[in-house]
PDB file of all heavy atoms in Angstrom:
ATOM      1  N   ALA A   1      10.051 -23.910  14.311  1.00  0.00           N
ATOM      2  CA  ALA A   1      10.353 -23.173  15.565  1.00  0.00           C
ATOM      3  C   ALA A   1       9.112 -22.990  16.459  1.00  0.00           C
ATOM      4  O   ALA A   1       9.190 -23.044  17.673  1.00  0.00           O
ATOM      5  CB  ALA A   1      11.005 -21.899  15.257  1.00  0.00           C
ATOM      6  N   THR A   2       8.004 -22.778  15.774  1.00  0.00           N
ATOM      7  CA  THR A   2       6.685 -22.651  16.529  1.00  0.00           C
ATOM      8  C   THR A   2       6.364 -23.927  17.230  1.00  0.00           C
ATOM      9  O   THR A   2       5.909 -23.936  18.401  1.00  0.00           O
ATOM     10  CB  THR A   2       5.537 -22.247  15.590  1.00  0.00           C
ATOM     11  OG1 THR A   2       5.871 -20.950  15.016  1.00  0.00           O
ATOM     12  CG2 THR A   2       4.245 -22.153  16.294  1.00  0.00           C
ATOM     13  N   ALA A   3       6.613 -25.074  16.529  1.00  0.00           N
ATOM     14  CA  ALA A   3       6.257 -26.377  17.074  1.00  0.00           C
ATOM     15  C   ALA A   3       7.188 -26.762  18.224  1.00  0.00           C
ATOM     16  O   ALA A   3       6.724 -27.395  19.179  1.00  0.00           O
ATOM     17  CB  ALA A   3       6.322 -27.413  15.961  1.00  0.00           C
ATOM     18  N   ASP A   4       8.518 -26.457  18.142  1.00  0.00           N
ATOM     19  CA  ASP A   4       9.434 -26.935  19.117  1.00  0.00           C
ATOM     20  C   ASP A   4       9.718 -25.881  20.223  1.00  0.00           C
ATOM     21  O   ASP A   4      10.547 -26.109  21.104  1.00  0.00           O
ATOM     22  CB  ASP A   4      10.726 -27.475  18.526  1.00  0.00           C
ATOM     23  CG  ASP A   4      11.549 -26.367  17.813  1.00  0.00           C
ATOM     24  OD1 ASP A   4      11.318 -25.136  18.074  1.00  0.00           O
ATOM     25  OD2 ASP A   4      12.412 -26.738  17.012  1.00  0.00           O
ATOM     26  N   GLY A   5       9.086 -24.684  20.132  1.00  0.00           N
ATOM     27  CA  GLY A   5       9.286 -23.736  21.175  1.00  0.00           C
ATOM     28  C   GLY A   5      10.428 -22.829  20.997  1.00  0.00           C
ATOM     29  O   GLY A   5      10.700 -21.975  21.927  1.00  0.00           O
ATOM     30  N   SER A   6      11.142 -22.864  19.872  1.00  0.00           N
ATOM     31  CA  SER A   6      12.327 -22.065  19.690  1.00  0.00           C
ATOM     32  C   SER A   6      12.051 -20.794  18.889  1.00  0.00           C
ATOM     33  O   SER A   6      13.044 -20.098  18.487  1.00  0.00           O
ATOM     34  CB  SER A   6      13.445 -22.880  18.997  1.00  0.00           C
ATOM     35  OG  SER A   6      13.014 -23.310  17.698  1.00  0.00           O
ATOM     36  N   LEU A   7      10.772 -20.480  18.648  1.00  0.00           N
ATOM     37  CA  LEU A   7      10.455 -19.325  17.825  1.00  0.00           C
ATOM     38  C   LEU A   7      10.987 -17.997  18.341  1.00  0.00           C
ATOM     39  O   LEU A   7      11.570 -17.237  17.594  1.00  0.00           O
ATOM     40  CB  LEU A   7       8.914 -19.215  17.642  1.00  0.00           C
ATOM     41  CG  LEU A   7       8.446 -18.101  16.717  1.00  0.00           C
ATOM     42  CD1 LEU A   7       9.014 -18.250  15.307  1.00  0.00           C
ATOM     43  CD2 LEU A   7       6.924 -18.009  16.679  1.00  0.00           C
ATOM     44  N   PRO A   8      10.845 -17.706  19.639  1.00  0.00           N
ATOM     45  CA  PRO A   8      11.417 -16.424  20.124  1.00  0.00           C
ATOM     46  C   PRO A   8      12.908 -16.247  19.800  1.00  0.00           C
ATOM     47  O   PRO A   8      13.347 -15.179  19.436  1.00  0.00           O
ATOM     48  CB  PRO A   8      11.147 -16.460  21.635  1.00  0.00           C
ATOM     49  CG  PRO A   8       9.982 -17.372  21.785  1.00  0.00           C
ATOM     50  CD  PRO A   8      10.144 -18.393  20.732  1.00  0.00           C
ATOM     51  N   GLY A   9      13.673 -17.347  19.975  1.00  0.00           N
ATOM     52  CA  GLY A   9      15.129 -17.259  19.705  1.00  0.00           C
ATOM     53  C   GLY A   9      15.391 -17.044  18.209  1.00  0.00           C
ATOM     54  O   GLY A   9      16.261 -16.238  17.870  1.00  0.00           O
ATOM     55  N   LEU A  10      14.617 -17.709  17.336  1.00  0.00           N
ATOM     56  CA  LEU A  10      14.816 -17.537  15.924  1.00  0.00           C
ATOM     57  C   LEU A  10      14.450 -16.130  15.489  1.00  0.00           C
ATOM     58  O   LEU A  10      15.180 -15.465  14.732  1.00  0.00           O
ATOM     59  CB  LEU A  10      13.949 -18.549  15.123  1.00  0.00           C
ATOM     60  CG  LEU A  10      13.991 -18.420  13.593  1.00  0.00           C
ATOM     61  CD1 LEU A  10      15.398 -18.614  13.071  1.00  0.00           C
ATOM     62  CD2 LEU A  10      13.058 -19.443  12.979  1.00  0.00           C
ATOM     63  N   LEU A  11      13.326 -15.629  15.996  1.00  0.00           N
ATOM     64  CA  LEU A  11      12.916 -14.231  15.635  1.00  0.00           C
ATOM     65  C   LEU A  11      13.978 -13.219  16.123  1.00  0.00           C
ATOM     66  O   LEU A  11      14.225 -12.263  15.430  1.00  0.00           O
ATOM     67  CB  LEU A  11      11.568 -13.943  16.309  1.00  0.00           C
ATOM     68  CG  LEU A  11      10.352 -14.718  15.724  1.00  0.00           C
ATOM     69  CD1 LEU A  11       9.097 -14.303  16.475  1.00  0.00           C
ATOM     70  CD2 LEU A  11      10.177 -14.548  14.231  1.00  0.00           C
ATOM     71  N   ASN A  12      14.506 -13.440  17.308  1.00  0.00           N
ATOM     72  CA  ASN A  12      15.477 -12.547  17.859  1.00  0.00           C
ATOM     73  C   ASN A  12      16.763 -12.558  17.009  1.00  0.00           C
ATOM     74  O   ASN A  12      17.383 -11.502  16.754  1.00  0.00           O
ATOM     75  CB  ASN A  12      15.814 -12.955  19.292  1.00  0.00           C
ATOM     76  CG  ASN A  12      16.749 -11.990  19.955  1.00  0.00           C
ATOM     77  OD1 ASN A  12      16.471 -10.746  20.012  1.00  0.00           O
ATOM     78  ND2 ASN A  12      17.864 -12.465  20.478  1.00  0.00           N
ATOM     79  N   LYS A  13      17.167 -13.795  16.600  1.00  0.00           N
ATOM     80  CA  LYS A  13      18.357 -13.877  15.751  1.00  0.00           C
ATOM     81  C   LYS A  13      18.183 -13.126  14.468  1.00  0.00           C
ATOM     82  O   LYS A  13      19.067 -12.439  13.977  1.00  0.00           O
ATOM     83  CB  LYS A  13      18.630 -15.372  15.469  1.00  0.00           C
ATOM     84  CG  LYS A  13      19.779 -15.631  14.494  1.00  0.00           C
ATOM     85  CD  LYS A  13      19.899 -17.132  14.160  1.00  0.00           C
ATOM     86  CE  LYS A  13      20.972 -17.413  13.106  1.00  0.00           C
ATOM     87  NZ  LYS A  13      21.074 -18.857  12.794  1.00  0.00           N
ATOM     88  N   ILE A  14      17.027 -13.300  13.830  1.00  0.00           N
ATOM     89  CA  ILE A  14      16.801 -12.635  12.524  1.00  0.00           C
ATOM     90  C   ILE A  14      16.678 -11.123  12.758  1.00  0.00           C
ATOM     91  O   ILE A  14      17.184 -10.377  11.915  1.00  0.00           O
ATOM     92  CB  ILE A  14      15.449 -13.200  11.888  1.00  0.00           C
ATOM     93  CG1 ILE A  14      15.663 -14.680  11.543  1.00  0.00           C
ATOM     94  CG2 ILE A  14      15.143 -12.401  10.608  1.00  0.00           C
ATOM     95  CD1 ILE A  14      14.397 -15.330  11.036  1.00  0.00           C
ATOM     96  N   ALA A  15      16.016 -10.744  13.807  1.00  0.00           N
ATOM     97  CA  ALA A  15      15.847  -9.313  14.029  1.00  0.00           C
ATOM     98  C   ALA A  15      17.191  -8.567  14.218  1.00  0.00           C
ATOM     99  O   ALA A  15      17.281  -7.410  13.851  1.00  0.00           O
ATOM    100  CB  ALA A  15      14.924  -9.079  15.219  1.00  0.00           C
ATOM    101  N   LYS A  16      18.164  -9.256  14.837  1.00  0.00           N
ATOM    102  CA  LYS A  16      19.388  -8.591  15.147  1.00  0.00           C
ATOM    103  C   LYS A  16      20.419  -8.556  14.017  1.00  0.00           C
ATOM    104  O   LYS A  16      21.456  -7.899  14.076  1.00  0.00           O
ATOM    105  CB  LYS A  16      20.017  -9.283  16.375  1.00  0.00           C
ATOM    106  CG  LYS A  16      19.301  -9.009  17.688  1.00  0.00           C
ATOM    107  CD  LYS A  16      20.067  -9.650  18.837  1.00  0.00           C
ATOM    108  CE  LYS A  16      19.401  -9.259  20.157  1.00  0.00           C
ATOM    109  NZ  LYS A  16      20.087  -9.861  21.333  1.00  0.00           N
ATOM    110  N   ALA A  17      20.114  -9.313  12.924  1.00  0.00           N
ATOM    111  CA  ALA A  17      21.068  -9.338  11.773  1.00  0.00           C
ATOM    112  C   ALA A  17      21.074  -7.970  11.099  1.00  0.00           C
ATOM    113  O   ALA A  17      20.046  -7.485  10.666  1.00  0.00           O
ATOM    114  CB  ALA A  17      20.669 -10.445  10.768  1.00  0.00           C
ATOM    115  N   PRO A  18      22.210  -7.315  10.959  1.00  0.00           N
ATOM    116  CA  PRO A  18      22.301  -6.033  10.306  1.00  0.00           C
ATOM    117  C   PRO A  18      21.735  -6.082   8.869  1.00  0.00           C
ATOM    118  O   PRO A  18      21.114  -5.126   8.396  1.00  0.00           O
ATOM    119  CB  PRO A  18      23.776  -5.684  10.242  1.00  0.00           C
ATOM    120  CG  PRO A  18      24.319  -6.407  11.495  1.00  0.00           C
ATOM    121  CD  PRO A  18      23.541  -7.696  11.510  1.00  0.00           C
ATOM    122  N   VAL A  19      22.021  -7.266   8.153  1.00  0.00           N
ATOM    123  CA  VAL A  19      21.480  -7.402   6.806  1.00  0.00           C
ATOM    124  C   VAL A  19      20.804  -8.724   6.724  1.00  0.00           C
ATOM    125  O   VAL A  19      21.305  -9.766   7.068  1.00  0.00           O
ATOM    126  CB  VAL A  19      22.623  -7.360   5.760  1.00  0.00           C
ATOM    127  CG1 VAL A  19      22.070  -7.637   4.336  1.00  0.00           C
ATOM    128  CG2 VAL A  19      23.350  -6.015   5.785  1.00  0.00           C
ATOM    129  N   LEU A  20      19.553  -8.743   6.283  1.00  0.00           N
ATOM    130  CA  LEU A  20      18.787  -9.941   6.068  1.00  0.00           C
ATOM    131  C   LEU A  20      18.407 -10.029   4.607  1.00  0.00           C
ATOM    132  O   LEU A  20      17.848  -9.093   4.034  1.00  0.00           O
ATOM    133  CB  LEU A  20      17.490  -9.907   6.928  1.00  0.00           C
ATOM    134  CG  LEU A  20      16.485 -11.004   6.646  1.00  0.00           C
ATOM    135  CD1 LEU A  20      17.021 -12.381   7.016  1.00  0.00           C
ATOM    136  CD2 LEU A  20      15.118 -10.729   7.369  1.00  0.00           C
ATOM    137  N   VAL A  21      18.712 -11.192   4.007  1.00  0.00           N
ATOM    138  CA  VAL A  21      18.319 -11.439   2.588  1.00  0.00           C
ATOM    139  C   VAL A  21      17.184 -12.506   2.608  1.00  0.00           C
ATOM    140  O   VAL A  21      17.367 -13.608   3.171  1.00  0.00           O
ATOM    141  CB  VAL A  21      19.532 -11.988   1.790  1.00  0.00           C
ATOM    142  CG1 VAL A  21      19.057 -12.250   0.334  1.00  0.00           C
ATOM    143  CG2 VAL A  21      20.651 -10.956   1.763  1.00  0.00           C
ATOM    144  N   VAL A  22      16.100 -12.168   1.990  1.00  0.00           N
ATOM    145  CA  VAL A  22      14.951 -13.069   1.865  1.00  0.00           C
ATOM    146  C   VAL A  22      14.798 -13.271   0.313  1.00  0.00           C
ATOM    147  O   VAL A  22      14.357 -12.386  -0.384  1.00  0.00           O
ATOM    148  CB  VAL A  22      13.667 -12.563   2.439  1.00  0.00           C
ATOM    149  CG1 VAL A  22      12.541 -13.527   2.253  1.00  0.00           C
ATOM    150  CG2 VAL A  22      13.848 -12.250   3.970  1.00  0.00           C
ATOM    151  N   ASP A  23      15.185 -14.479  -0.119  1.00  0.00           N
ATOM    152  CA  ASP A  23      15.254 -14.774  -1.577  1.00  0.00           C
ATOM    153  C   ASP A  23      14.044 -15.498  -2.082  1.00  0.00           C
ATOM    154  O   ASP A  23      13.595 -16.421  -1.470  1.00  0.00           O
ATOM    155  CB  ASP A  23      16.495 -15.581  -1.833  1.00  0.00           C
ATOM    156  CG  ASP A  23      16.918 -15.652  -3.318  1.00  0.00           C
ATOM    157  OD1 ASP A  23      16.430 -14.831  -4.082  1.00  0.00           O
ATOM    158  OD2 ASP A  23      17.692 -16.561  -3.643  1.00  0.00           O
ATOM    159  N   ASP A  24      13.503 -15.008  -3.180  1.00  0.00           N
ATOM    160  CA  ASP A  24      12.335 -15.642  -3.859  1.00  0.00           C
ATOM    161  C   ASP A  24      11.049 -15.505  -3.048  1.00  0.00           C
ATOM    162  O   ASP A  24      10.277 -16.477  -2.896  1.00  0.00           O
ATOM    163  CB  ASP A  24      12.621 -17.062  -4.186  1.00  0.00           C
ATOM    164  CG  ASP A  24      13.027 -17.286  -5.623  1.00  0.00           C
ATOM    165  OD1 ASP A  24      12.874 -16.290  -6.404  1.00  0.00           O
ATOM    166  OD2 ASP A  24      13.536 -18.320  -5.971  1.00  0.00           O
ATOM    167  N   TRP A  25      10.762 -14.347  -2.537  1.00  0.00           N
ATOM    168  CA  TRP A  25       9.478 -14.048  -1.837  1.00  0.00           C
ATOM    169  C   TRP A  25       8.315 -14.310  -2.835  1.00  0.00           C
ATOM    170  O   TRP A  25       8.409 -13.936  -4.037  1.00  0.00           O
ATOM    171  CB  TRP A  25       9.444 -12.605  -1.349  1.00  0.00           C
ATOM    172  CG  TRP A  25       8.071 -12.104  -1.087  1.00  0.00           C
ATOM    173  CD1 TRP A  25       7.350 -11.305  -1.865  1.00  0.00           C
ATOM    174  CD2 TRP A  25       7.272 -12.358   0.077  1.00  0.00           C
ATOM    175  NE1 TRP A  25       6.095 -11.053  -1.309  1.00  0.00           N
ATOM    176  CE2 TRP A  25       6.040 -11.703  -0.104  1.00  0.00           C
ATOM    177  CE3 TRP A  25       7.478 -13.134   1.206  1.00  0.00           C
ATOM    178  CZ2 TRP A  25       5.039 -11.704   0.869  1.00  0.00           C
ATOM    179  CZ3 TRP A  25       6.449 -13.173   2.197  1.00  0.00           C
ATOM    180  CH2 TRP A  25       5.259 -12.435   1.982  1.00  0.00           C
ATOM    181  N   GLY A  26       7.258 -14.898  -2.342  1.00  0.00           N
ATOM    182  CA  GLY A  26       6.064 -15.129  -3.154  1.00  0.00           C
ATOM    183  C   GLY A  26       6.023 -16.405  -3.937  1.00  0.00           C
ATOM    184  O   GLY A  26       4.994 -16.696  -4.633  1.00  0.00           O
ATOM    185  N   MET A  27       7.053 -17.245  -3.848  1.00  0.00           N
ATOM    186  CA  MET A  27       7.072 -18.464  -4.602  1.00  0.00           C
ATOM    187  C   MET A  27       6.132 -19.529  -4.054  1.00  0.00           C
ATOM    188  O   MET A  27       5.700 -20.357  -4.759  1.00  0.00           O
ATOM    189  CB  MET A  27       8.547 -19.074  -4.656  1.00  0.00           C
ATOM    190  CG  MET A  27       9.456 -18.241  -5.534  1.00  0.00           C
ATOM    191  SD  MET A  27       8.909 -18.284  -7.282  1.00  0.00           S
ATOM    192  CE  MET A  27       9.105 -20.007  -7.659  1.00  0.00           C
ATOM    193  N   ALA A  28       5.845 -19.411  -2.817  1.00  0.00           N
ATOM    194  CA  ALA A  28       4.957 -20.411  -2.186  1.00  0.00           C
ATOM    195  C   ALA A  28       3.955 -19.673  -1.273  1.00  0.00           C
ATOM    196  O   ALA A  28       4.358 -18.666  -0.648  1.00  0.00           O
ATOM    197  CB  ALA A  28       5.777 -21.466  -1.358  1.00  0.00           C
ATOM    198  N   LYS A  29       2.737 -20.146  -1.227  1.00  0.00           N
ATOM    199  CA  LYS A  29       1.728 -19.569  -0.369  1.00  0.00           C
ATOM    200  C   LYS A  29       2.105 -19.835   1.102  1.00  0.00           C
ATOM    201  O   LYS A  29       2.675 -20.875   1.433  1.00  0.00           O
ATOM    202  CB  LYS A  29       0.348 -20.179  -0.617  1.00  0.00           C
ATOM    203  CG  LYS A  29      -0.180 -19.829  -1.980  1.00  0.00           C
ATOM    204  CD  LYS A  29      -0.591 -18.380  -2.058  1.00  0.00           C
ATOM    205  CE  LYS A  29      -1.270 -18.049  -3.427  1.00  0.00           C
ATOM    206  NZ  LYS A  29      -1.648 -16.637  -3.513  1.00  0.00           N
ATOM    207  N   ILE A  30       1.837 -18.848   1.971  1.00  0.00           N
ATOM    208  CA  ILE A  30       2.098 -19.065   3.380  1.00  0.00           C
ATOM    209  C   ILE A  30       0.839 -18.960   4.159  1.00  0.00           C
ATOM    210  O   ILE A  30      -0.159 -18.319   3.695  1.00  0.00           O
ATOM    211  CB  ILE A  30       3.140 -18.012   3.852  1.00  0.00           C
ATOM    212  CG1 ILE A  30       2.598 -16.586   3.604  1.00  0.00           C
ATOM    213  CG2 ILE A  30       4.505 -18.230   3.208  1.00  0.00           C
ATOM    214  CD1 ILE A  30       3.518 -15.463   4.122  1.00  0.00           C
ATOM    215  N   ASP A  31       0.822 -19.526   5.371  1.00  0.00           N
ATOM    216  CA  ASP A  31      -0.380 -19.494   6.139  1.00  0.00           C
ATOM    217  C   ASP A  31      -0.388 -18.200   6.987  1.00  0.00           C
ATOM    218  O   ASP A  31       0.591 -17.444   7.033  1.00  0.00           O
ATOM    219  CB  ASP A  31      -0.583 -20.724   7.038  1.00  0.00           C
ATOM    220  CG  ASP A  31       0.511 -20.917   8.033  1.00  0.00           C
ATOM    221  OD1 ASP A  31       1.079 -19.929   8.571  1.00  0.00           O
ATOM    222  OD2 ASP A  31       0.853 -22.082   8.365  1.00  0.00           O
ATOM    223  N   GLU A  32      -1.462 -17.944   7.722  1.00  0.00           N
ATOM    224  CA  GLU A  32      -1.600 -16.686   8.464  1.00  0.00           C
ATOM    225  C   GLU A  32      -0.601 -16.554   9.515  1.00  0.00           C
ATOM    226  O   GLU A  32      -0.055 -15.487   9.739  1.00  0.00           O
ATOM    227  CB  GLU A  32      -3.058 -16.598   9.030  1.00  0.00           C
ATOM    228  CG  GLU A  32      -3.361 -15.308   9.723  1.00  0.00           C
ATOM    229  CD  GLU A  32      -4.792 -15.236  10.200  1.00  0.00           C
ATOM    230  OE1 GLU A  32      -5.572 -16.083   9.886  1.00  0.00           O
ATOM    231  OE2 GLU A  32      -5.104 -14.254  10.903  1.00  0.00           O
ATOM    232  N   ARG A  33      -0.318 -17.630  10.264  1.00  0.00           N
ATOM    233  CA  ARG A  33       0.651 -17.575  11.333  1.00  0.00           C
ATOM    234  C   ARG A  33       2.054 -17.206  10.780  1.00  0.00           C
ATOM    235  O   ARG A  33       2.752 -16.405  11.362  1.00  0.00           O
ATOM    236  CB  ARG A  33       0.697 -18.869  12.112  1.00  0.00           C
ATOM    237  CG  ARG A  33       1.712 -18.882  13.244  1.00  0.00           C
ATOM    238  CD  ARG A  33       1.429 -17.832  14.259  1.00  0.00           C
ATOM    239  NE  ARG A  33       2.446 -17.632  15.228  1.00  0.00           N
ATOM    240  CZ  ARG A  33       2.408 -18.179  16.446  1.00  0.00           C
ATOM    241  NH1 ARG A  33       1.409 -18.953  16.810  1.00  0.00           N
ATOM    242  NH2 ARG A  33       3.364 -17.995  17.322  1.00  0.00           N
ATOM    243  N   GLN A  34       2.452 -17.820   9.676  1.00  0.00           N
ATOM    244  CA  GLN A  34       3.723 -17.558   9.060  1.00  0.00           C
ATOM    245  C   GLN A  34       3.830 -16.117   8.644  1.00  0.00           C
ATOM    246  O   GLN A  34       4.857 -15.425   8.822  1.00  0.00           O
ATOM    247  CB  GLN A  34       3.995 -18.480   7.891  1.00  0.00           C
ATOM    248  CG  GLN A  34       4.178 -19.928   8.247  1.00  0.00           C
ATOM    249  CD  GLN A  34       4.183 -20.821   7.015  1.00  0.00           C
ATOM    250  OE1 GLN A  34       3.425 -20.575   6.056  1.00  0.00           O
ATOM    251  NE2 GLN A  34       4.981 -21.871   7.014  1.00  0.00           N
ATOM    252  N   TYR A  35       2.728 -15.616   8.079  1.00  0.00           N
ATOM    253  CA  TYR A  35       2.722 -14.212   7.625  1.00  0.00           C
ATOM    254  C   TYR A  35       2.838 -13.262   8.820  1.00  0.00           C
ATOM    255  O   TYR A  35       3.582 -12.262   8.788  1.00  0.00           O
ATOM    256  CB  TYR A  35       1.438 -13.886   6.851  1.00  0.00           C
ATOM    257  CG  TYR A  35       1.252 -12.426   6.578  1.00  0.00           C
ATOM    258  CD1 TYR A  35       2.155 -11.794   5.653  1.00  0.00           C
ATOM    259  CD2 TYR A  35       0.302 -11.683   7.233  1.00  0.00           C
ATOM    260  CE1 TYR A  35       2.007 -10.443   5.379  1.00  0.00           C
ATOM    261  CE2 TYR A  35       0.176 -10.296   6.952  1.00  0.00           C
ATOM    262  CZ  TYR A  35       1.052  -9.709   6.023  1.00  0.00           C
ATOM    263  OH  TYR A  35       0.957  -8.391   5.787  1.00  0.00           O
ATOM    264  N   ARG A  36       2.165 -13.537   9.908  1.00  0.00           N
ATOM    265  CA  ARG A  36       2.213 -12.691  11.080  1.00  0.00           C
ATOM    266  C   ARG A  36       3.617 -12.696  11.650  1.00  0.00           C
ATOM    267  O   ARG A  36       4.146 -11.686  12.101  1.00  0.00           O
ATOM    268  CB  ARG A  36       1.259 -13.185  12.153  1.00  0.00           C
ATOM    269  CG  ARG A  36      -0.204 -13.135  11.757  1.00  0.00           C
ATOM    270  CD  ARG A  36      -0.702 -11.717  11.448  1.00  0.00           C
ATOM    271  NE  ARG A  36      -2.080 -11.706  11.205  1.00  0.00           N
ATOM    272  CZ  ARG A  36      -2.673 -10.830  10.403  1.00  0.00           C
ATOM    273  NH1 ARG A  36      -2.004  -9.901   9.839  1.00  0.00           N
ATOM    274  NH2 ARG A  36      -4.008 -10.861  10.204  1.00  0.00           N
ATOM    275  N   ASP A  37       4.301 -13.864  11.688  1.00  0.00           N
ATOM    276  CA  ASP A  37       5.635 -13.941  12.185  1.00  0.00           C
ATOM    277  C   ASP A  37       6.584 -13.186  11.267  1.00  0.00           C
ATOM    278  O   ASP A  37       7.463 -12.464  11.772  1.00  0.00           O
ATOM    279  CB  ASP A  37       6.115 -15.387  12.220  1.00  0.00           C
ATOM    280  CG  ASP A  37       5.459 -16.205  13.387  1.00  0.00           C
ATOM    281  OD1 ASP A  37       4.979 -15.541  14.343  1.00  0.00           O
ATOM    282  OD2 ASP A  37       5.378 -17.435  13.276  1.00  0.00           O
ATOM    283  N   PHE A  38       6.382 -13.251   9.973  1.00  0.00           N
ATOM    284  CA  PHE A  38       7.218 -12.503   9.028  1.00  0.00           C
ATOM    285  C   PHE A  38       7.026 -11.000   9.203  1.00  0.00           C
ATOM    286  O   PHE A  38       7.932 -10.212   9.174  1.00  0.00           O
ATOM    287  CB  PHE A  38       6.893 -12.946   7.598  1.00  0.00           C
ATOM    288  CG  PHE A  38       7.817 -12.340   6.568  1.00  0.00           C
ATOM    289  CD1 PHE A  38       9.236 -12.523   6.661  1.00  0.00           C
ATOM    290  CD2 PHE A  38       7.343 -11.585   5.538  1.00  0.00           C
ATOM    291  CE1 PHE A  38      10.088 -12.017   5.736  1.00  0.00           C
ATOM    292  CE2 PHE A  38       8.214 -11.043   4.595  1.00  0.00           C
ATOM    293  CZ  PHE A  38       9.607 -11.257   4.679  1.00  0.00           C
ATOM    294  N   LEU A  39       5.740 -10.596   9.436  1.00  0.00           N
ATOM    295  CA  LEU A  39       5.432  -9.203   9.651  1.00  0.00           C
ATOM    296  C   LEU A  39       6.098  -8.745  10.941  1.00  0.00           C
ATOM    297  O   LEU A  39       6.644  -7.548  10.981  1.00  0.00           O
ATOM    298  CB  LEU A  39       3.913  -9.011   9.752  1.00  0.00           C
ATOM    299  CG  LEU A  39       3.396  -7.576   9.805  1.00  0.00           C
ATOM    300  CD1 LEU A  39       3.716  -6.886   8.502  1.00  0.00           C
ATOM    301  CD2 LEU A  39       1.926  -7.552  10.100  1.00  0.00           C
TER     302      LEU A  39
END
């Protein structure tokens, strides 16, 4: 989404979900930008 310019829309979609499930956190290393977006 960062590469194709759709990141704001994706972040907005995730932010508005009443329930968000993130499964298997920590299984793979993430880069700084991914971490900031997740934060």
